[in-house]
Amino acid sequence: MSKEIKAIVIITVIVAVFLTALLVGVPQYRVWQKGLAGKAQLAEAEWNRQIAITEALAKKEAAIALADAEIERARGVAEANKIIGESLKNNDAYLRYLWVQGLQDGTSEVIYVPTEANLPILEATRNM
């Protein structure tokens, strides 16, 4: 055989090996590539799940903190009411003073005066 024929045979064999490698390798590459894409999607879904869990835990902690703050506020109001109630016991003069001050403000339009049976005298007609 001549050198030219040997070169053509070698080139033909190389091309045949290359084409065979392509025919076998391309489908394998596509499978590998899809596997990587699937792993990437799975990792992204896991991160999204962790983010959602973290946000939910943060909302829970915030709700607990707000509830604690509301309880403390209610305790403060209860304590203030207790102090005010104690200070107004047997202090009719101060209550009358506050009542007179309210009358002078002009903010109260209707005054109900209790009767002997502690029932208010209601207005029969009201001037408008």
N, C-alpha and C. Protein backbone atom coordinates (compact mmCIF):
# COMPACT_ATOMS: atom_id res chain seq x y z
N MET A 1 0.83 -1.17 0.00
CA MET A 1 0.00 0.00 0.00
C MET A 1 0.88 1.23 0.00
N SER A 2 0.31 2.16 -0.63
CA SER A 2 1.09 3.38 -0.71
C SER A 2 0.81 4.26 0.50
N LYS A 3 1.63 5.25 0.63
CA LYS A 3 1.51 6.16 1.76
C LYS A 3 0.19 6.91 1.71
N GLU A 4 -0.27 7.22 0.56
CA GLU A 4 -1.51 7.99 0.42
C GLU A 4 -2.70 7.16 0.88
N ILE A 5 -2.69 5.89 0.51
CA ILE A 5 -3.80 5.01 0.90
C ILE A 5 -3.76 4.78 2.40
N LYS A 6 -2.58 4.62 3.00
CA LYS A 6 -2.46 4.48 4.44
C LYS A 6 -2.97 5.72 5.15
N ALA A 7 -2.67 6.88 4.62
CA ALA A 7 -3.13 8.14 5.22
C ALA A 7 -4.64 8.23 5.15
N ILE A 8 -5.22 7.83 4.02
CA ILE A 8 -6.68 7.88 3.86
C ILE A 8 -7.33 6.90 4.82
N VAL A 9 -6.76 5.71 4.96
CA VAL A 9 -7.31 4.71 5.89
C VAL A 9 -7.22 5.23 7.32
N ILE A 10 -6.11 5.80 7.69
CA ILE A 10 -5.92 6.34 9.04
C ILE A 10 -6.91 7.47 9.29
N ILE A 11 -7.06 8.35 8.32
CA ILE A 11 -8.01 9.47 8.46
C ILE A 11 -9.43 8.92 8.57
N THR A 12 -9.75 7.91 7.78
CA THR A 12 -11.08 7.31 7.80
C THR A 12 -11.33 6.65 9.17
N VAL A 13 -10.35 5.98 9.68
CA VAL A 13 -10.48 5.34 11.00
C VAL A 13 -10.66 6.40 12.08
N ILE A 14 -9.88 7.45 12.00
CA ILE A 14 -9.99 8.54 12.99
C ILE A 14 -11.37 9.17 12.92
N VAL A 15 -11.86 9.44 11.71
CA VAL A 15 -13.20 10.03 11.54
C VAL A 15 -14.26 9.07 12.07
N ALA A 16 -14.11 7.77 11.80
CA ALA A 16 -15.07 6.78 12.27
C ALA A 16 -15.07 6.71 13.80
N VAL A 17 -13.91 6.73 14.40
CA VAL A 17 -13.81 6.71 15.87
C VAL A 17 -14.44 7.99 16.44
N PHE A 18 -14.17 9.11 15.81
CA PHE A 18 -14.72 10.38 16.27
C PHE A 18 -16.25 10.38 16.19
N LEU A 19 -16.78 9.91 15.05
CA LEU A 19 -18.24 9.85 14.89
C LEU A 19 -18.87 8.88 15.88
N THR A 20 -18.22 7.76 16.11
CA THR A 20 -18.73 6.80 17.10
C THR A 20 -18.73 7.42 18.49
N ALA A 21 -17.66 8.13 18.81
CA ALA A 21 -17.59 8.81 20.11
C ALA A 21 -18.70 9.84 20.24
N LEU A 22 -18.97 10.56 19.14
CA LEU A 22 -20.06 11.54 19.17
C LEU A 22 -21.41 10.85 19.37
N LEU A 23 -21.63 9.77 18.63
CA LEU A 23 -22.91 9.07 18.74
C LEU A 23 -23.14 8.50 20.14
N VAL A 24 -22.09 8.08 20.79
CA VAL A 24 -22.21 7.55 22.15
C VAL A 24 -22.14 8.68 23.17
N GLY A 25 -21.28 9.63 22.96
CA GLY A 25 -21.01 10.68 23.95
C GLY A 25 -22.09 11.74 24.06
N VAL A 26 -22.70 12.14 22.96
CA VAL A 26 -23.70 13.22 23.00
C VAL A 26 -24.90 12.84 23.87
N PRO A 27 -25.49 11.66 23.70
CA PRO A 27 -26.60 11.31 24.60
C PRO A 27 -26.16 11.23 26.07
N GLN A 28 -24.98 10.69 26.30
CA GLN A 28 -24.47 10.62 27.67
C GLN A 28 -24.29 12.03 28.24
N TYR A 29 -23.78 12.95 27.43
CA TYR A 29 -23.58 14.33 27.87
C TYR A 29 -24.92 14.98 28.21
N ARG A 30 -25.94 14.73 27.39
CA ARG A 30 -27.26 15.31 27.65
C ARG A 30 -27.84 14.78 28.97
N VAL A 31 -27.67 13.50 29.21
CA VAL A 31 -28.14 12.92 30.48
C VAL A 31 -27.39 13.55 31.64
N TRP A 32 -26.09 13.68 31.52
CA TRP A 32 -25.27 14.29 32.58
C TRP A 32 -25.69 15.75 32.81
N GLN A 33 -25.91 16.47 31.70
CA GLN A 33 -26.30 17.88 31.79
C GLN A 33 -27.66 18.01 32.48
N LYS A 34 -28.64 17.17 32.14
CA LYS A 34 -29.95 17.22 32.77
C LYS A 34 -29.86 16.85 34.25
N GLY A 35 -28.97 15.94 34.58
CA GLY A 35 -28.76 15.59 35.98
C GLY A 35 -28.24 16.78 36.77
N LEU A 36 -27.30 17.50 36.18
CA LEU A 36 -26.80 18.71 36.85
C LEU A 36 -27.89 19.76 37.00
N ALA A 37 -28.71 19.93 35.95
CA ALA A 37 -29.80 20.91 36.02
C ALA A 37 -30.79 20.50 37.11
N GLY A 38 -31.09 19.22 37.23
CA GLY A 38 -31.99 18.74 38.27
C GLY A 38 -31.43 18.97 39.66
N LYS A 39 -30.13 18.71 39.82
CA LYS A 39 -29.50 18.96 41.11
C LYS A 39 -29.55 20.44 41.47
N ALA A 40 -29.36 21.30 40.47
CA ALA A 40 -29.41 22.74 40.70
C ALA A 40 -30.82 23.16 41.12
N GLN A 41 -31.84 22.62 40.47
CA GLN A 41 -33.22 22.94 40.84
C GLN A 41 -33.53 22.44 42.24
N LEU A 42 -33.06 21.27 42.57
CA LEU A 42 -33.28 20.71 43.90
C LEU A 42 -32.60 21.58 44.97
N ALA A 43 -31.39 22.01 44.70
CA ALA A 43 -30.68 22.88 45.65
C ALA A 43 -31.41 24.20 45.81
N GLU A 44 -31.91 24.76 44.70
CA GLU A 44 -32.65 26.03 44.78
C GLU A 44 -33.94 25.85 45.57
N ALA A 45 -34.64 24.74 45.36
CA ALA A 45 -35.87 24.47 46.12
C ALA A 45 -35.56 24.33 47.61
N GLU A 46 -34.46 23.70 47.94
CA GLU A 46 -34.07 23.54 49.34
C GLU A 46 -33.77 24.89 49.97
N TRP A 47 -33.07 25.75 49.24
CA TRP A 47 -32.79 27.09 49.75
C TRP A 47 -34.08 27.88 49.94
N ASN A 48 -34.99 27.79 48.98
CA ASN A 48 -36.27 28.49 49.09
C ASN A 48 -37.05 27.98 50.30
N ARG A 49 -37.01 26.68 50.56
CA ARG A 49 -37.69 26.11 51.72
C ARG A 49 -37.06 26.64 53.01
N GLN A 50 -35.74 26.68 53.06
CA GLN A 50 -35.06 27.19 54.25
C GLN A 50 -35.38 28.67 54.47
N ILE A 51 -35.47 29.43 53.38
CA ILE A 51 -35.82 30.85 53.49
C ILE A 51 -37.23 31.00 54.05
N ALA A 52 -38.17 30.20 53.53
CA ALA A 52 -39.56 30.27 54.00
C ALA A 52 -39.65 29.89 55.48
N ILE A 53 -38.90 28.87 55.89
CA ILE A 53 -38.91 28.46 57.30
C ILE A 53 -38.32 29.56 58.17
N THR A 54 -37.24 30.17 57.74
CA THR A 54 -36.60 31.24 58.52
C THR A 54 -37.55 32.44 58.65
N GLU A 55 -38.22 32.79 57.55
CA GLU A 55 -39.17 33.91 57.61
C GLU A 55 -40.33 33.58 58.55
N ALA A 56 -40.82 32.35 58.50
CA ALA A 56 -41.92 31.95 59.39
C ALA A 56 -41.49 32.01 60.85
N LEU A 57 -40.27 31.55 61.13
CA LEU A 57 -39.77 31.61 62.51
C LEU A 57 -39.61 33.05 62.98
N ALA A 58 -39.18 33.92 62.08
CA ALA A 58 -39.04 35.34 62.43
C ALA A 58 -40.41 35.95 62.74
N LYS A 59 -41.42 35.59 61.93
CA LYS A 59 -42.78 36.09 62.19
C LYS A 59 -43.30 35.57 63.52
N LYS A 60 -43.00 34.31 63.82
CA LYS A 60 -43.44 33.72 65.09
C LYS A 60 -42.80 34.46 66.26
N GLU A 61 -41.48 34.69 66.18
CA GLU A 61 -40.79 35.40 67.25
C GLU A 61 -41.32 36.82 67.41
N ALA A 62 -41.62 37.48 66.28
CA ALA A 62 -42.17 38.83 66.35
C ALA A 62 -43.55 38.82 67.00
N ALA A 63 -44.37 37.82 66.67
CA ALA A 63 -45.70 37.73 67.26
C ALA A 63 -45.61 37.49 68.76
N ILE A 64 -44.67 36.63 69.17
CA ILE A 64 -44.48 36.38 70.60
C ILE A 64 -44.03 37.65 71.31
N ALA A 65 -43.10 38.37 70.70
CA ALA A 65 -42.61 39.61 71.30
C ALA A 65 -43.73 40.65 71.39
N LEU A 66 -44.55 40.75 70.34
CA LEU A 66 -45.67 41.70 70.37
C LEU A 66 -46.69 41.30 71.44
N ALA A 67 -46.94 40.00 71.57
CA ALA A 67 -47.87 39.54 72.61
C ALA A 67 -47.32 39.86 74.00
N ASP A 68 -46.02 39.64 74.20
CA ASP A 68 -45.40 39.98 75.49
C ASP A 68 -45.51 41.47 75.77
N ALA A 69 -45.30 42.28 74.75
CA ALA A 69 -45.41 43.73 74.92
C ALA A 69 -46.85 44.12 75.26
N GLU A 70 -47.81 43.48 74.64
CA GLU A 70 -49.22 43.78 74.92
C GLU A 70 -49.58 43.38 76.34
N ILE A 71 -49.05 42.24 76.79
CA ILE A 71 -49.29 41.81 78.18
C ILE A 71 -48.70 42.82 79.15
N GLU A 72 -47.48 43.27 78.88
CA GLU A 72 -46.85 44.27 79.76
C GLU A 72 -47.64 45.58 79.76
N ARG A 73 -48.15 45.98 78.58
CA ARG A 73 -48.95 47.19 78.51
C ARG A 73 -50.22 47.03 79.33
N ALA A 74 -50.85 45.86 79.24
CA ALA A 74 -52.07 45.60 80.00
C ALA A 74 -51.79 45.61 81.50
N ARG A 75 -50.64 45.05 81.89
CA ARG A 75 -50.27 45.10 83.32
C ARG A 75 -50.10 46.54 83.78
N GLY A 76 -49.47 47.36 82.93
CA GLY A 76 -49.29 48.77 83.27
C GLY A 76 -50.62 49.49 83.41
N VAL A 77 -51.54 49.21 82.48
CA VAL A 77 -52.87 49.84 82.55
C VAL A 77 -53.60 49.37 83.80
N ALA A 78 -53.51 48.08 84.11
CA ALA A 78 -54.17 47.56 85.30
C ALA A 78 -53.60 48.21 86.56
N GLU A 79 -52.29 48.35 86.61
CA GLU A 79 -51.66 48.99 87.77
C GLU A 79 -52.08 50.46 87.88
N ALA A 80 -52.11 51.15 86.73
CA ALA A 80 -52.54 52.56 86.74
C ALA A 80 -53.99 52.67 87.19
N ASN A 81 -54.84 51.77 86.70
CA ASN A 81 -56.25 51.80 87.12
C ASN A 81 -56.38 51.54 88.62
N LYS A 82 -55.56 50.62 89.12
CA LYS A 82 -55.58 50.33 90.56
C LYS A 82 -55.18 51.56 91.36
N ILE A 83 -54.12 52.23 90.92
CA ILE A 83 -53.65 53.43 91.62
C ILE A 83 -54.71 54.53 91.56
N ILE A 84 -55.31 54.74 90.39
CA ILE A 84 -56.34 55.77 90.25
C ILE A 84 -57.55 55.41 91.10
N GLY A 85 -57.95 54.14 91.06
CA GLY A 85 -59.10 53.72 91.86
C GLY A 85 -58.86 53.92 93.35
N GLU A 86 -57.67 53.59 93.82
CA GLU A 86 -57.35 53.77 95.24
C GLU A 86 -57.34 55.25 95.61
N SER A 87 -56.85 56.08 94.68
CA SER A 87 -56.77 57.51 95.00
C SER A 87 -58.14 58.18 94.99
N LEU A 88 -59.10 57.58 94.28
CA LEU A 88 -60.44 58.18 94.21
C LEU A 88 -61.38 57.66 95.30
N LYS A 89 -61.00 56.61 96.00
CA LYS A 89 -61.83 56.10 97.08
C LYS A 89 -61.92 57.15 98.19
N ASN A 90 -63.13 57.37 98.64
CA ASN A 90 -63.38 58.33 99.73
C ASN A 90 -62.79 59.70 99.41
N ASN A 91 -62.82 60.09 98.16
CA ASN A 91 -62.29 61.39 97.75
C ASN A 91 -63.36 62.10 96.92
N ASP A 92 -64.52 62.31 97.53
CA ASP A 92 -65.65 62.91 96.83
C ASP A 92 -65.37 64.34 96.39
N ALA A 93 -64.58 65.05 97.15
CA ALA A 93 -64.30 66.45 96.80
C ALA A 93 -63.55 66.53 95.47
N TYR A 94 -62.58 65.64 95.27
CA TYR A 94 -61.83 65.65 94.01
C TYR A 94 -62.73 65.26 92.84
N LEU A 95 -63.59 64.28 93.05
CA LEU A 95 -64.52 63.88 91.99
C LEU A 95 -65.46 65.03 91.62
N ARG A 96 -65.95 65.77 92.62
CA ARG A 96 -66.79 66.94 92.32
C ARG A 96 -66.00 68.00 91.56
N TYR A 97 -64.74 68.18 91.95
CA TYR A 97 -63.88 69.13 91.25
C TYR A 97 -63.75 68.75 89.77
N LEU A 98 -63.49 67.46 89.51
CA LEU A 98 -63.37 67.01 88.12
C LEU A 98 -64.68 67.20 87.37
N TRP A 99 -65.78 66.98 88.04
CA TRP A 99 -67.08 67.14 87.41
C TRP A 99 -67.32 68.60 87.03
N VAL A 100 -66.97 69.51 87.94
CA VAL A 100 -67.13 70.95 87.67
C VAL A 100 -66.21 71.37 86.54
N GLN A 101 -65.00 70.86 86.53
CA GLN A 101 -64.06 71.18 85.44
C GLN A 101 -64.63 70.72 84.10
N GLY A 102 -65.24 69.55 84.09
CA GLY A 102 -65.86 69.04 82.87
C GLY A 102 -66.99 69.92 82.41
N LEU A 103 -67.74 70.46 83.36
CA LEU A 103 -68.83 71.38 82.99
C LEU A 103 -68.28 72.67 82.39
N GLN A 104 -67.17 73.16 82.91
CA GLN A 104 -66.60 74.41 82.42
C GLN A 104 -65.94 74.24 81.06
N ASP A 105 -65.49 73.07 80.75
CA ASP A 105 -64.88 72.83 79.44
C ASP A 105 -65.88 73.01 78.31
N GLY A 106 -67.12 72.71 78.59
CA GLY A 106 -68.14 72.80 77.55
C GLY A 106 -68.12 71.63 76.61
N THR A 107 -67.34 70.61 76.93
CA THR A 107 -67.26 69.46 76.04
C THR A 107 -68.43 68.51 76.25
N SER A 108 -69.00 68.51 77.43
CA SER A 108 -70.13 67.62 77.68
C SER A 108 -71.42 68.35 77.34
N GLU A 109 -72.20 67.79 76.47
CA GLU A 109 -73.43 68.43 76.03
C GLU A 109 -74.64 67.96 76.83
N VAL A 110 -74.61 66.73 77.28
CA VAL A 110 -75.74 66.18 77.99
C VAL A 110 -75.29 65.76 79.37
N ILE A 111 -76.02 66.11 80.38
CA ILE A 111 -75.69 65.74 81.75
C ILE A 111 -76.86 64.93 82.28
N TYR A 112 -76.59 63.78 82.80
CA TYR A 112 -77.60 62.94 83.42
C TYR A 112 -77.43 63.04 84.93
N VAL A 113 -78.48 63.45 85.58
CA VAL A 113 -78.45 63.61 87.03
C VAL A 113 -79.16 62.40 87.64
N PRO A 114 -78.49 61.68 88.51
CA PRO A 114 -79.15 60.52 89.11
C PRO A 114 -80.24 60.95 90.09
N THR A 115 -81.27 60.15 90.15
CA THR A 115 -82.37 60.43 91.08
C THR A 115 -82.17 59.59 92.34
N GLU A 116 -83.17 59.57 93.17
CA GLU A 116 -83.06 58.82 94.43
C GLU A 116 -82.88 57.33 94.18
N ALA A 117 -83.47 56.81 93.10
CA ALA A 117 -83.36 55.38 92.80
C ALA A 117 -82.15 55.09 91.91
N ASN A 118 -81.26 56.06 91.76
CA ASN A 118 -80.07 55.96 90.91
C ASN A 118 -80.42 55.72 89.44
N LEU A 119 -81.56 56.23 89.01
CA LEU A 119 -81.94 56.18 87.61
C LEU A 119 -81.80 57.58 87.04
N PRO A 120 -81.22 57.72 85.87
CA PRO A 120 -81.04 59.08 85.32
C PRO A 120 -82.36 59.65 84.82
N ILE A 121 -82.43 60.97 84.90
CA ILE A 121 -83.57 61.67 84.32
C ILE A 121 -83.22 61.89 82.86
N LEU A 122 -83.94 61.23 81.99
CA LEU A 122 -83.67 61.34 80.56
C LEU A 122 -84.42 62.53 79.99
N GLU A 123 -83.88 63.10 78.96
CA GLU A 123 -84.51 64.24 78.33
C GLU A 123 -85.72 63.76 77.55
N ALA A 124 -86.84 64.44 77.75
CA ALA A 124 -88.03 64.08 77.00
C ALA A 124 -87.92 64.60 75.58
N THR A 125 -87.44 65.79 75.45
CA THR A 125 -87.20 66.36 74.11
C THR A 125 -85.84 67.01 74.14
N ARG A 126 -85.24 67.01 73.02
CA ARG A 126 -83.88 67.54 72.96
C ARG A 126 -83.85 68.66 71.96
N ASN A 127 -83.23 69.77 72.35
CA ASN A 127 -83.11 70.91 71.43
C ASN A 127 -81.99 70.61 70.44
N MET A 128 -82.30 70.78 69.20
CA MET A 128 -81.29 70.50 68.18
C MET A 128 -80.82 71.73 67.51
